[in-house]
């Protein structure tokens, strides 16, 4: 898995969890998570529909 510079541990954990549960290819440059799952879902939705 590619790791973006400046990613926090929380970002990495969320990405790993996302990969583990969905196995979906992400646009990693846009993959940023929040401490709230709701925000992560919104961002995940945007990522999956951005290209």
C-alpha atoms as a PDB file:
ATOM      1  CA  UNK A   1       0.000   0.000   0.000  1.00  0.00           C
ATOM      2  CA  UNK A   2       1.273   3.417  -0.917  1.00  0.00           C
ATOM      3  CA  UNK A   3       1.662   5.794   1.989  1.00  0.00           C
ATOM      4  CA  UNK A   4       1.308   9.509   1.391  1.00  0.00           C
ATOM      5  CA  UNK A   5       3.741  11.861   3.121  1.00  0.00           C
ATOM      6  CA  UNK A   6       2.207  13.742   6.035  1.00  0.00           C
ATOM      7  CA  UNK A   7      -0.364  11.044   6.713  1.00  0.00           C
ATOM      8  CA  UNK A   8      -1.144  10.685  10.388  1.00  0.00           C
ATOM      9  CA  UNK A   9      -1.347   7.366  12.164  1.00  0.00           C
ATOM     10  CA  UNK A  10      -5.101   7.799  12.237  1.00  0.00           C
ATOM     11  CA  UNK A  11      -5.131   8.268   8.468  1.00  0.00           C
ATOM     12  CA  UNK A  12      -3.125   5.104   7.980  1.00  0.00           C
ATOM     13  CA  UNK A  13      -5.330   3.130  10.333  1.00  0.00           C
ATOM     14  CA  UNK A  14      -8.461   4.292   8.559  1.00  0.00           C
ATOM     15  CA  UNK A  15      -6.993   3.436   5.165  1.00  0.00           C
ATOM     16  CA  UNK A  16      -5.910   0.008   6.329  1.00  0.00           C
ATOM     17  CA  UNK A  17      -9.353  -0.615   7.785  1.00  0.00           C
ATOM     18  CA  UNK A  18     -10.953   0.569   4.569  1.00  0.00           C
ATOM     19  CA  UNK A  19      -8.783  -1.699   2.454  1.00  0.00           C
ATOM     20  CA  UNK A  20      -9.446  -4.621   4.768  1.00  0.00           C
ATOM     21  CA  UNK A  21     -13.218  -4.184   4.713  1.00  0.00           C
ATOM     22  CA  UNK A  22     -13.759  -3.094   1.117  1.00  0.00           C
ATOM     23  CA  UNK A  23     -10.710  -4.003  -0.941  1.00  0.00           C
ATOM     24  CA  UNK A  24     -11.467  -1.029  -3.147  1.00  0.00           C
ATOM     25  CA  UNK A  25      -8.780   0.859  -4.986  1.00  0.00           C
ATOM     26  CA  UNK A  26      -8.598   4.411  -3.666  1.00  0.00           C
ATOM     27  CA  UNK A  27      -7.232   7.595  -5.049  1.00  0.00           C
ATOM     28  CA  UNK A  28      -4.698   7.817  -2.249  1.00  0.00           C
ATOM     29  CA  UNK A  29      -3.891  11.464  -2.804  1.00  0.00           C
ATOM     30  CA  UNK A  30      -7.439  12.292  -1.753  1.00  0.00           C
ATOM     31  CA  UNK A  31      -7.684   9.664   0.951  1.00  0.00           C
ATOM     32  CA  UNK A  32      -7.829  11.570   4.201  1.00  0.00           C
ATOM     33  CA  UNK A  33      -9.824  10.508   7.197  1.00  0.00           C
ATOM     34  CA  UNK A  34     -11.301  12.253  10.153  1.00  0.00           C
ATOM     35  CA  UNK A  35     -11.804  11.170  13.729  1.00  0.00           C
ATOM     36  CA  UNK A  36     -15.517  10.998  12.937  1.00  0.00           C
ATOM     37  CA  UNK A  37     -16.730   8.071  10.872  1.00  0.00           C
ATOM     38  CA  UNK A  38     -19.384  10.249   9.284  1.00  0.00           C
ATOM     39  CA  UNK A  39     -16.783  12.566   7.790  1.00  0.00           C
ATOM     40  CA  UNK A  40     -14.748   9.569   6.649  1.00  0.00           C
ATOM     41  CA  UNK A  41     -17.829   8.127   4.920  1.00  0.00           C
ATOM     42  CA  UNK A  42     -18.430  11.437   3.160  1.00  0.00           C
ATOM     43  CA  UNK A  43     -14.836  11.710   2.037  1.00  0.00           C
ATOM     44  CA  UNK A  44     -14.776   8.056   1.043  1.00  0.00           C
ATOM     45  CA  UNK A  45     -17.876   8.657  -1.059  1.00  0.00           C
ATOM     46  CA  UNK A  46     -16.208  11.622  -2.756  1.00  0.00           C
ATOM     47  CA  UNK A  47     -13.044   9.608  -3.367  1.00  0.00           C
ATOM     48  CA  UNK A  48     -14.923   6.712  -4.926  1.00  0.00           C
ATOM     49  CA  UNK A  49     -16.905   9.034  -7.159  1.00  0.00           C
ATOM     50  CA  UNK A  50     -14.063  11.322  -8.195  1.00  0.00           C
ATOM     51  CA  UNK A  51     -12.806   9.448 -11.165  1.00  0.00           C
END
